[in-house]
Amino acid sequence: MNAASTNQALGPTIDDEPTLFAARYQPYRSLGQHGFLVVMIIVAGISFVCGTAFLLMGAWPVFGMFGLDALAIYWAFRLNFRQARACEEIVVTPSLIRLRHVAADGTVYEEELNPLWTRLHRELHEDYGLQRLTLEMRGRPYVIGGFLHTAQREELAEQLSRALAEARRGVVRSTF
């Protein structure tokens, strides 16, 4: 039995329906790999020049401390880049909401929710705007957009709200 007939036997899949909303987002990082290389060359150069000056004055332990500082900066940037591997994906169809969260270590968490029973909750702070966005089904909240900026979180909330409303209305299909 081929894959197409298997899917038909099991019922409709997310691929059989129109996509009402789809988004994939990652934490923003302003420094790319090229910028990282430039910063590390500058830090290493300054550390080496300053460390050499102290070494020539007889303060040899300071030379090693400059090397440790450069190593600590390198390690912090690498940790930052590792955290940037995290991402979230949301797909909304008339019968399914698929949430997929990939943690920085590569762990994948997936949830499938029914859009008819899912509610979008917004936690607003009067001074700072939208602080937390959750999809809730059967009393269980699923936090989404946690690493987005407030304005991006508000845009995501608006788009998700429209998609959920459209899913509740149902899909009108033409029979031409």
N, C-alpha and C. Protein backbone atom coordinates (compact mmCIF):
# COMPACT_ATOMS: atom_id res chain seq x y z
N MET A 1 0.85 -1.16 0.00
CA MET A 1 0.00 0.00 0.00
C MET A 1 0.90 1.23 0.00
N ASN A 2 0.67 2.18 -0.88
CA ASN A 2 1.52 3.36 -0.96
C ASN A 2 1.10 4.40 0.07
N ALA A 3 1.91 5.48 0.19
CA ALA A 3 1.68 6.50 1.22
C ALA A 3 0.38 7.25 0.99
N ALA A 4 -0.01 7.48 -0.25
CA ALA A 4 -1.24 8.23 -0.53
C ALA A 4 -2.47 7.46 -0.07
N SER A 5 -2.49 6.18 -0.33
CA SER A 5 -3.65 5.41 0.10
C SER A 5 -3.65 5.21 1.62
N THR A 6 -2.48 5.20 2.25
CA THR A 6 -2.41 5.11 3.71
C THR A 6 -3.03 6.34 4.34
N ASN A 7 -2.70 7.54 3.84
CA ASN A 7 -3.26 8.77 4.38
C ASN A 7 -4.77 8.80 4.20
N GLN A 8 -5.29 8.32 3.08
CA GLN A 8 -6.72 8.33 2.86
C GLN A 8 -7.41 7.35 3.80
N ALA A 9 -6.76 6.25 4.08
CA ALA A 9 -7.36 5.26 4.97
C ALA A 9 -7.43 5.78 6.40
N LEU A 10 -6.47 6.59 6.80
CA LEU A 10 -6.43 7.11 8.16
C LEU A 10 -7.29 8.35 8.33
N GLY A 11 -7.78 8.94 7.26
CA GLY A 11 -8.59 10.15 7.36
C GLY A 11 -7.80 11.35 6.89
N PRO A 12 -8.41 12.54 6.95
CA PRO A 12 -7.74 13.74 6.45
C PRO A 12 -6.54 14.11 7.31
N THR A 13 -5.53 14.63 6.65
CA THR A 13 -4.35 15.11 7.34
C THR A 13 -4.28 16.61 7.21
N ILE A 14 -3.30 17.20 7.85
CA ILE A 14 -3.13 18.65 7.79
C ILE A 14 -2.82 19.12 6.38
N ASP A 15 -2.25 18.21 5.55
CA ASP A 15 -1.92 18.56 4.17
C ASP A 15 -3.15 18.64 3.28
N ASP A 16 -4.25 18.00 3.69
CA ASP A 16 -5.48 17.99 2.89
C ASP A 16 -6.29 19.26 3.05
N GLU A 17 -5.96 20.08 4.01
CA GLU A 17 -6.76 21.27 4.32
C GLU A 17 -6.01 22.54 3.96
N PRO A 18 -6.76 23.60 3.75
CA PRO A 18 -6.09 24.89 3.50
C PRO A 18 -5.42 25.39 4.78
N THR A 19 -4.29 26.02 4.62
CA THR A 19 -3.58 26.58 5.77
C THR A 19 -4.11 27.98 6.01
N LEU A 20 -4.64 28.21 7.20
CA LEU A 20 -5.18 29.51 7.56
C LEU A 20 -4.10 30.45 8.09
N PHE A 21 -3.10 29.86 8.72
CA PHE A 21 -2.00 30.64 9.28
C PHE A 21 -0.80 29.72 9.45
N ALA A 22 0.37 30.23 9.12
CA ALA A 22 1.60 29.49 9.34
C ALA A 22 2.70 30.48 9.67
N ALA A 23 3.45 30.20 10.71
CA ALA A 23 4.56 31.08 11.10
C ALA A 23 5.68 30.25 11.70
N ARG A 24 6.88 30.70 11.43
CA ARG A 24 8.08 30.12 12.04
C ARG A 24 8.93 31.29 12.49
N TYR A 25 9.30 31.31 13.75
CA TYR A 25 10.10 32.42 14.24
C TYR A 25 11.19 31.92 15.18
N GLN A 26 12.27 32.70 15.20
CA GLN A 26 13.46 32.38 15.98
C GLN A 26 13.87 33.60 16.79
N PRO A 27 14.66 33.40 17.85
CA PRO A 27 15.17 34.56 18.58
C PRO A 27 16.05 35.42 17.68
N TYR A 28 15.93 36.72 17.82
CA TYR A 28 16.71 37.63 16.99
C TYR A 28 18.14 37.71 17.52
N ARG A 29 19.09 37.67 16.63
CA ARG A 29 20.50 37.85 16.96
C ARG A 29 21.05 38.88 15.99
N SER A 30 21.58 39.97 16.54
CA SER A 30 22.05 41.06 15.69
C SER A 30 23.45 40.82 15.14
N LEU A 31 24.18 39.91 15.72
CA LEU A 31 25.54 39.65 15.26
C LEU A 31 25.60 38.32 14.52
N GLY A 32 25.98 38.38 13.26
CA GLY A 32 26.11 37.17 12.46
C GLY A 32 27.49 36.54 12.62
N GLN A 33 27.75 35.49 11.88
CA GLN A 33 29.03 34.79 11.97
C GLN A 33 30.20 35.66 11.52
N HIS A 34 30.00 36.46 10.48
CA HIS A 34 31.07 37.34 10.01
C HIS A 34 31.40 38.40 11.07
N GLY A 35 30.36 38.99 11.65
CA GLY A 35 30.57 39.99 12.71
C GLY A 35 31.25 39.38 13.92
N PHE A 36 30.89 38.15 14.25
CA PHE A 36 31.51 37.45 15.37
C PHE A 36 33.01 37.28 15.13
N LEU A 37 33.37 36.90 13.92
CA LEU A 37 34.79 36.72 13.57
C LEU A 37 35.54 38.04 13.72
N VAL A 38 34.96 39.12 13.24
CA VAL A 38 35.60 40.44 13.35
C VAL A 38 35.78 40.84 14.81
N VAL A 39 34.72 40.66 15.61
CA VAL A 39 34.80 41.01 17.04
C VAL A 39 35.86 40.18 17.74
N MET A 40 35.91 38.89 17.46
CA MET A 40 36.90 38.04 18.13
C MET A 40 38.33 38.38 17.71
N ILE A 41 38.55 38.75 16.46
CA ILE A 41 39.89 39.16 16.02
C ILE A 41 40.31 40.43 16.76
N ILE A 42 39.38 41.39 16.89
CA ILE A 42 39.69 42.63 17.60
C ILE A 42 39.97 42.35 19.07
N VAL A 43 39.12 41.56 19.72
CA VAL A 43 39.32 41.24 21.15
C VAL A 43 40.63 40.51 21.35
N ALA A 44 40.92 39.52 20.52
CA ALA A 44 42.17 38.76 20.65
C ALA A 44 43.38 39.67 20.42
N GLY A 45 43.28 40.55 19.43
CA GLY A 45 44.40 41.47 19.16
C GLY A 45 44.66 42.41 20.32
N ILE A 46 43.61 43.01 20.86
CA ILE A 46 43.78 43.92 22.00
C ILE A 46 44.30 43.17 23.21
N SER A 47 43.76 41.99 23.46
CA SER A 47 44.23 41.19 24.61
C SER A 47 45.70 40.83 24.46
N PHE A 48 46.10 40.45 23.26
CA PHE A 48 47.49 40.08 23.03
C PHE A 48 48.43 41.27 23.21
N VAL A 49 48.07 42.43 22.63
CA VAL A 49 48.92 43.63 22.74
C VAL A 49 49.03 44.09 24.19
N CYS A 50 47.89 44.17 24.88
CA CYS A 50 47.93 44.61 26.28
C CYS A 50 48.65 43.59 27.16
N GLY A 51 48.37 42.31 26.91
CA GLY A 51 49.04 41.26 27.69
C GLY A 51 50.54 41.28 27.48
N THR A 52 50.97 41.51 26.25
CA THR A 52 52.41 41.59 25.95
C THR A 52 53.05 42.77 26.66
N ALA A 53 52.36 43.90 26.73
CA ALA A 53 52.89 45.07 27.44
C ALA A 53 53.11 44.73 28.91
N PHE A 54 52.15 44.06 29.53
CA PHE A 54 52.31 43.68 30.93
C PHE A 54 53.41 42.62 31.09
N LEU A 55 53.52 41.73 30.13
CA LEU A 55 54.56 40.70 30.18
C LEU A 55 55.95 41.35 30.13
N LEU A 56 56.12 42.36 29.28
CA LEU A 56 57.40 43.07 29.18
C LEU A 56 57.72 43.86 30.45
N MET A 57 56.69 44.26 31.19
CA MET A 57 56.91 44.99 32.45
C MET A 57 57.18 44.04 33.61
N GLY A 58 57.06 42.73 33.35
CA GLY A 58 57.35 41.75 34.39
C GLY A 58 56.10 41.22 35.08
N ALA A 59 54.95 41.68 34.70
CA ALA A 59 53.71 41.20 35.31
C ALA A 59 53.14 40.07 34.45
N TRP A 60 53.88 38.95 34.41
CA TRP A 60 53.52 37.85 33.53
C TRP A 60 52.16 37.23 33.82
N PRO A 61 51.64 37.21 35.09
CA PRO A 61 50.32 36.60 35.29
C PRO A 61 49.20 37.37 34.56
N VAL A 62 49.39 38.67 34.35
CA VAL A 62 48.36 39.47 33.69
C VAL A 62 48.20 39.01 32.24
N PHE A 63 49.27 38.58 31.61
CA PHE A 63 49.20 38.11 30.22
C PHE A 63 48.21 36.95 30.11
N GLY A 64 48.28 36.03 31.05
CA GLY A 64 47.34 34.89 31.06
C GLY A 64 45.91 35.32 31.33
N MET A 65 45.74 36.33 32.17
CA MET A 65 44.39 36.82 32.47
C MET A 65 43.74 37.44 31.24
N PHE A 66 44.54 38.13 30.42
CA PHE A 66 43.99 38.67 29.17
C PHE A 66 43.55 37.54 28.24
N GLY A 67 44.30 36.48 28.24
CA GLY A 67 43.90 35.32 27.43
C GLY A 67 42.61 34.68 27.94
N LEU A 68 42.46 34.62 29.27
CA LEU A 68 41.23 34.07 29.84
C LEU A 68 40.02 34.95 29.52
N ASP A 69 40.24 36.27 29.53
CA ASP A 69 39.15 37.20 29.17
C ASP A 69 38.68 36.96 27.74
N ALA A 70 39.62 36.82 26.81
CA ALA A 70 39.26 36.58 25.42
C ALA A 70 38.54 35.23 25.28
N LEU A 71 38.99 34.23 26.02
CA LEU A 71 38.35 32.92 25.99
C LEU A 71 36.92 33.00 26.56
N ALA A 72 36.72 33.76 27.62
CA ALA A 72 35.39 33.92 28.22
C ALA A 72 34.43 34.63 27.25
N ILE A 73 34.92 35.63 26.54
CA ILE A 73 34.09 36.32 25.55
C ILE A 73 33.72 35.37 24.42
N TYR A 74 34.69 34.59 23.95
CA TYR A 74 34.43 33.60 22.90
C TYR A 74 33.36 32.61 23.36
N TRP A 75 33.48 32.09 24.57
CA TRP A 75 32.54 31.13 25.11
C TRP A 75 31.14 31.73 25.22
N ALA A 76 31.03 32.99 25.67
CA ALA A 76 29.73 33.65 25.81
C ALA A 76 29.05 33.81 24.45
N PHE A 77 29.80 34.19 23.43
CA PHE A 77 29.23 34.31 22.10
C PHE A 77 28.79 32.95 21.55
N ARG A 78 29.57 31.92 21.75
CA ARG A 78 29.19 30.60 21.26
C ARG A 78 27.90 30.12 21.95
N LEU A 79 27.78 30.39 23.24
CA LEU A 79 26.56 30.04 23.97
C LEU A 79 25.37 30.81 23.40
N ASN A 80 25.57 32.08 23.08
CA ASN A 80 24.53 32.91 22.50
C ASN A 80 24.09 32.34 21.15
N PHE A 81 25.04 31.94 20.31
CA PHE A 81 24.71 31.36 19.01
C PHE A 81 23.98 30.03 19.17
N ARG A 82 24.34 29.26 20.18
CA ARG A 82 23.66 27.99 20.42
C ARG A 82 22.20 28.24 20.79
N GLN A 83 21.94 29.27 21.61
CA GLN A 83 20.57 29.61 21.99
C GLN A 83 19.75 30.07 20.80
N ALA A 84 20.40 30.60 19.78
CA ALA A 84 19.70 31.08 18.58
C ALA A 84 19.15 29.94 17.73
N ARG A 85 19.51 28.71 18.03
CA ARG A 85 18.98 27.58 17.28
C ARG A 85 17.53 27.26 17.62
N ALA A 86 17.04 27.84 18.71
CA ALA A 86 15.66 27.60 19.11
C ALA A 86 14.70 28.21 18.09
N CYS A 87 13.55 27.59 17.93
CA CYS A 87 12.53 28.15 17.04
C CYS A 87 11.16 27.63 17.43
N GLU A 88 10.15 28.32 16.97
CA GLU A 88 8.77 27.90 17.17
C GLU A 88 8.04 27.95 15.83
N GLU A 89 7.17 26.99 15.62
CA GLU A 89 6.36 26.95 14.41
C GLU A 89 4.91 26.77 14.82
N ILE A 90 4.03 27.50 14.14
CA ILE A 90 2.60 27.39 14.37
C ILE A 90 1.93 27.24 13.01
N VAL A 91 1.08 26.23 12.88
CA VAL A 91 0.29 26.04 11.66
C VAL A 91 -1.16 25.87 12.10
N VAL A 92 -2.04 26.68 11.49
CA VAL A 92 -3.47 26.60 11.80
C VAL A 92 -4.22 26.21 10.54
N THR A 93 -5.01 25.15 10.65
CA THR A 93 -5.92 24.73 9.59
C THR A 93 -7.32 24.72 10.20
N PRO A 94 -8.35 24.51 9.42
CA PRO A 94 -9.70 24.50 9.99
C PRO A 94 -9.93 23.45 11.08
N SER A 95 -9.17 22.38 11.11
CA SER A 95 -9.41 21.34 12.11
C SER A 95 -8.23 21.08 13.04
N LEU A 96 -7.13 21.82 12.90
CA LEU A 96 -5.95 21.50 13.69
C LEU A 96 -5.05 22.71 13.87
N ILE A 97 -4.52 22.83 15.08
CA ILE A 97 -3.44 23.79 15.34
C ILE A 97 -2.23 22.94 15.72
N ARG A 98 -1.17 23.08 14.97
CA ARG A 98 0.05 22.34 15.26
C ARG A 98 1.08 23.31 15.80
N LEU A 99 1.52 23.07 17.03
CA LEU A 99 2.58 23.85 17.68
C LEU A 99 3.84 22.99 17.70
N ARG A 100 4.93 23.58 17.28
CA ARG A 100 6.21 22.85 17.30
C ARG A 100 7.26 23.80 17.85
N HIS A 101 7.88 23.39 18.94
CA HIS A 101 8.93 24.18 19.58
C HIS A 101 10.21 23.36 19.58
N VAL A 102 11.26 23.94 19.02
CA VAL A 102 12.57 23.30 19.02
C VAL A 102 13.45 24.07 20.00
N ALA A 103 13.89 23.42 21.05
CA ALA A 103 14.75 24.05 22.05
C ALA A 103 16.16 24.20 21.48
N ALA A 104 16.96 25.01 22.16
CA ALA A 104 18.33 25.27 21.71
C ALA A 104 19.17 23.99 21.64
N ASP A 105 18.86 23.03 22.50
CA ASP A 105 19.62 21.77 22.49
C ASP A 105 19.10 20.77 21.46
N GLY A 106 18.08 21.16 20.69
CA GLY A 106 17.56 20.30 19.65
C GLY A 106 16.34 19.49 20.05
N THR A 107 15.93 19.57 21.32
CA THR A 107 14.75 18.86 21.78
C THR A 107 13.51 19.44 21.12
N VAL A 108 12.65 18.58 20.59
CA VAL A 108 11.45 19.03 19.89
C VAL A 108 10.22 18.70 20.73
N TYR A 109 9.37 19.71 20.92
CA TYR A 109 8.09 19.55 21.60
C TYR A 109 7.00 19.86 20.59
N GLU A 110 6.07 18.93 20.41
CA GLU A 110 4.98 19.14 19.47
C GLU A 110 3.65 18.94 20.17
N GLU A 111 2.70 19.78 19.83
CA GLU A 111 1.35 19.67 20.34
C GLU A 111 0.39 19.89 19.19
N GLU A 112 -0.73 19.19 19.23
CA GLU A 112 -1.80 19.39 18.26
C GLU A 112 -3.05 19.73 19.02
N LEU A 113 -3.66 20.87 18.67
CA LEU A 113 -4.83 21.37 19.36
C LEU A 113 -5.99 21.49 18.39
N ASN A 114 -7.19 21.44 18.92
CA ASN A 114 -8.40 21.64 18.13
C ASN A 114 -8.73 23.13 18.14
N PRO A 115 -8.79 23.79 16.99
CA PRO A 115 -9.05 25.23 16.98
C PRO A 115 -10.43 25.61 17.51
N LEU A 116 -11.39 24.67 17.49
CA LEU A 116 -12.71 24.97 18.01
C LEU A 116 -12.72 25.07 19.54
N TRP A 117 -11.78 24.41 20.18
CA TRP A 117 -11.71 24.39 21.64
C TRP A 117 -10.54 25.18 22.20
N THR A 118 -9.82 25.85 21.35
CA THR A 118 -8.63 26.58 21.77
C THR A 118 -8.93 28.07 21.87
N ARG A 119 -8.46 28.69 22.94
CA ARG A 119 -8.65 30.12 23.16
C ARG A 119 -7.29 30.79 23.21
N LEU A 120 -7.24 32.00 22.68
CA LEU A 120 -6.03 32.81 22.70
C LEU A 120 -6.11 33.78 23.87
N HIS A 121 -5.13 33.71 24.77
CA HIS A 121 -5.11 34.59 25.94
C HIS A 121 -3.93 35.55 25.84
N ARG A 122 -4.20 36.79 26.16
CA ARG A 122 -3.17 37.84 26.13
C ARG A 122 -3.03 38.42 27.53
N GLU A 123 -1.80 38.47 28.01
CA GLU A 123 -1.52 39.12 29.29
C GLU A 123 -0.90 40.48 28.99
N LEU A 124 -1.66 41.52 29.30
CA LEU A 124 -1.23 42.87 29.00
C LEU A 124 -0.72 43.57 30.25
N HIS A 125 0.30 44.36 30.09
CA HIS A 125 0.81 45.24 31.14
C HIS A 125 0.57 46.65 30.63
N GLU A 126 -0.02 47.49 31.45
CA GLU A 126 -0.43 48.81 30.97
C GLU A 126 0.74 49.67 30.49
N ASP A 127 1.92 49.47 31.03
CA ASP A 127 3.07 50.27 30.61
C ASP A 127 3.89 49.61 29.50
N TYR A 128 3.89 48.29 29.46
CA TYR A 128 4.79 47.58 28.56
C TYR A 128 4.11 46.82 27.44
N GLY A 129 2.80 46.79 27.40
CA GLY A 129 2.09 46.12 26.33
C GLY A 129 1.92 44.63 26.58
N LEU A 130 1.81 43.88 25.51
CA LEU A 130 1.56 42.44 25.58
C LEU A 130 2.80 41.71 26.10
N GLN A 131 2.67 41.10 27.26
CA GLN A 131 3.81 40.45 27.89
C GLN A 131 3.83 38.95 27.70
N ARG A 132 2.65 38.34 27.56
CA ARG A 132 2.61 36.88 27.43
C ARG A 132 1.43 36.51 26.55
N LEU A 133 1.67 35.55 25.70
CA LEU A 133 0.65 35.09 24.77
C LEU A 133 0.55 33.57 24.91
N THR A 134 -0.66 33.08 25.14
CA THR A 134 -0.85 31.64 25.31
C THR A 134 -2.05 31.16 24.50
N LEU A 135 -1.95 29.95 24.02
CA LEU A 135 -3.09 29.23 23.48
C LEU A 135 -3.50 28.25 24.57
N GLU A 136 -4.79 28.22 24.88
CA GLU A 136 -5.25 27.37 25.97
C GLU A 136 -6.34 26.43 25.48
N MET A 137 -6.14 25.15 25.79
CA MET A 137 -7.16 24.15 25.46
C MET A 137 -7.32 23.23 26.66
N ARG A 138 -8.56 23.08 27.09
CA ARG A 138 -8.89 22.24 28.25
C ARG A 138 -8.13 22.66 29.50
N GLY A 139 -7.97 23.95 29.69
CA GLY A 139 -7.31 24.47 30.88
C GLY A 139 -5.80 24.43 30.87
N ARG A 140 -5.23 23.90 29.81
CA ARG A 140 -3.76 23.82 29.73
C ARG A 140 -3.23 24.91 28.81
N PRO A 141 -2.39 25.80 29.34
CA PRO A 141 -1.86 26.88 28.50
C PRO A 141 -0.59 26.43 27.77
N TYR A 142 -0.45 26.91 26.55
CA TYR A 142 0.75 26.69 25.73
C TYR A 142 1.31 28.06 25.40
N VAL A 143 2.43 28.40 26.00
CA VAL A 143 3.04 29.72 25.79
C VAL A 143 3.66 29.75 24.39
N ILE A 144 3.37 30.82 23.67
CA ILE A 144 3.93 30.99 22.32
C ILE A 144 4.55 32.37 22.22
N GLY A 145 5.54 32.50 21.36
CA GLY A 145 6.18 33.78 21.11
C GLY A 145 6.91 34.36 22.30
N GLY A 146 7.43 33.51 23.15
CA GLY A 146 8.10 33.97 24.37
C GLY A 146 9.33 34.82 24.13
N PHE A 147 10.03 34.60 23.05
CA PHE A 147 11.24 35.37 22.80
C PHE A 147 11.03 36.49 21.79
N LEU A 148 9.78 36.74 21.42
CA LEU A 148 9.49 37.83 20.50
C LEU A 148 9.42 39.16 21.23
N HIS A 149 9.67 40.23 20.51
CA HIS A 149 9.52 41.58 21.03
C HIS A 149 8.02 41.86 21.18
N THR A 150 7.66 42.81 22.03
CA THR A 150 6.26 43.12 22.32
C THR A 150 5.46 43.41 21.05
N ALA A 151 5.99 44.23 20.16
CA ALA A 151 5.27 44.55 18.92
C ALA A 151 5.08 43.32 18.05
N GLN A 152 6.08 42.46 17.98
CA GLN A 152 5.97 41.23 17.20
C GLN A 152 4.95 40.28 17.83
N ARG A 153 4.93 40.24 19.16
CA ARG A 153 3.98 39.40 19.88
C ARG A 153 2.54 39.87 19.62
N GLU A 154 2.35 41.21 19.58
CA GLU A 154 1.02 41.76 19.29
C GLU A 154 0.58 41.43 17.87
N GLU A 155 1.51 41.49 16.92
CA GLU A 155 1.20 41.14 15.53
C GLU A 155 0.84 39.66 15.42
N LEU A 156 1.59 38.81 16.11
CA LEU A 156 1.30 37.38 16.13
C LEU A 156 -0.08 37.12 16.73
N ALA A 157 -0.42 37.81 17.80
CA ALA A 157 -1.72 37.64 18.44
C ALA A 157 -2.85 38.04 17.50
N GLU A 158 -2.69 39.12 16.78
CA GLU A 158 -3.71 39.57 15.84
C GLU A 158 -3.91 38.56 14.71
N GLN A 159 -2.82 38.08 14.14
CA GLN A 159 -2.91 37.11 13.05
C GLN A 159 -3.50 35.77 13.52
N LEU A 160 -3.11 35.33 14.71
CA LEU A 160 -3.65 34.09 15.25
C LEU A 160 -5.13 34.23 15.57
N SER A 161 -5.50 35.37 16.08
CA SER A 161 -6.90 35.62 16.39
C SER A 161 -7.76 35.53 15.13
N ARG A 162 -7.29 36.13 14.04
CA ARG A 162 -8.01 36.05 12.77
C ARG A 162 -8.09 34.61 12.27
N ALA A 163 -7.00 33.88 12.37
CA ALA A 163 -6.98 32.48 11.90
C ALA A 163 -7.92 31.60 12.72
N LEU A 164 -7.95 31.80 14.03
CA LEU A 164 -8.85 31.02 14.88
C LEU A 164 -10.31 31.34 14.57
N ALA A 165 -10.60 32.62 14.34
CA ALA A 165 -11.97 33.00 13.99
C ALA A 165 -12.38 32.37 12.66
N GLU A 166 -11.48 32.34 11.70
CA GLU A 166 -11.77 31.73 10.41
C GLU A 166 -11.96 30.22 10.56
N ALA A 167 -11.17 29.59 11.41
CA ALA A 167 -11.31 28.14 11.63
C ALA A 167 -12.66 27.84 12.28
N ARG A 168 -13.12 28.70 13.17
CA ARG A 168 -14.41 28.48 13.82
C ARG A 168 -15.58 28.67 12.85
N ARG A 169 -15.40 29.57 11.88
CA ARG A 169 -16.44 29.79 10.87
C ARG A 169 -16.56 28.60 9.93
N GLY A 170 -15.47 27.90 9.74
CA GLY A 170 -15.46 26.77 8.82
C GLY A 170 -14.95 27.21 7.46
N VAL A 171 -14.54 26.25 6.67
CA VAL A 171 -13.99 26.53 5.36
C VAL A 171 -15.08 26.37 4.32
N VAL A 172 -15.18 27.36 3.48
CA VAL A 172 -16.13 27.28 2.38
C VAL A 172 -15.37 26.79 1.16
N ARG A 173 -15.80 25.66 0.61
CA ARG A 173 -15.11 25.09 -0.54
C ARG A 173 -16.05 25.16 -1.75
N SER A 174 -15.49 25.58 -2.83
CA SER A 174 -16.30 25.65 -4.05
C SER A 174 -16.37 24.26 -4.68
N THR A 175 -17.45 24.01 -5.41
CA THR A 175 -17.63 22.70 -6.01
C THR A 175 -17.55 22.76 -7.53
N PHE A 176 -16.86 23.72 -8.05
CA PHE A 176 -16.73 23.87 -9.51
C PHE A 176 -15.94 22.73 -10.07
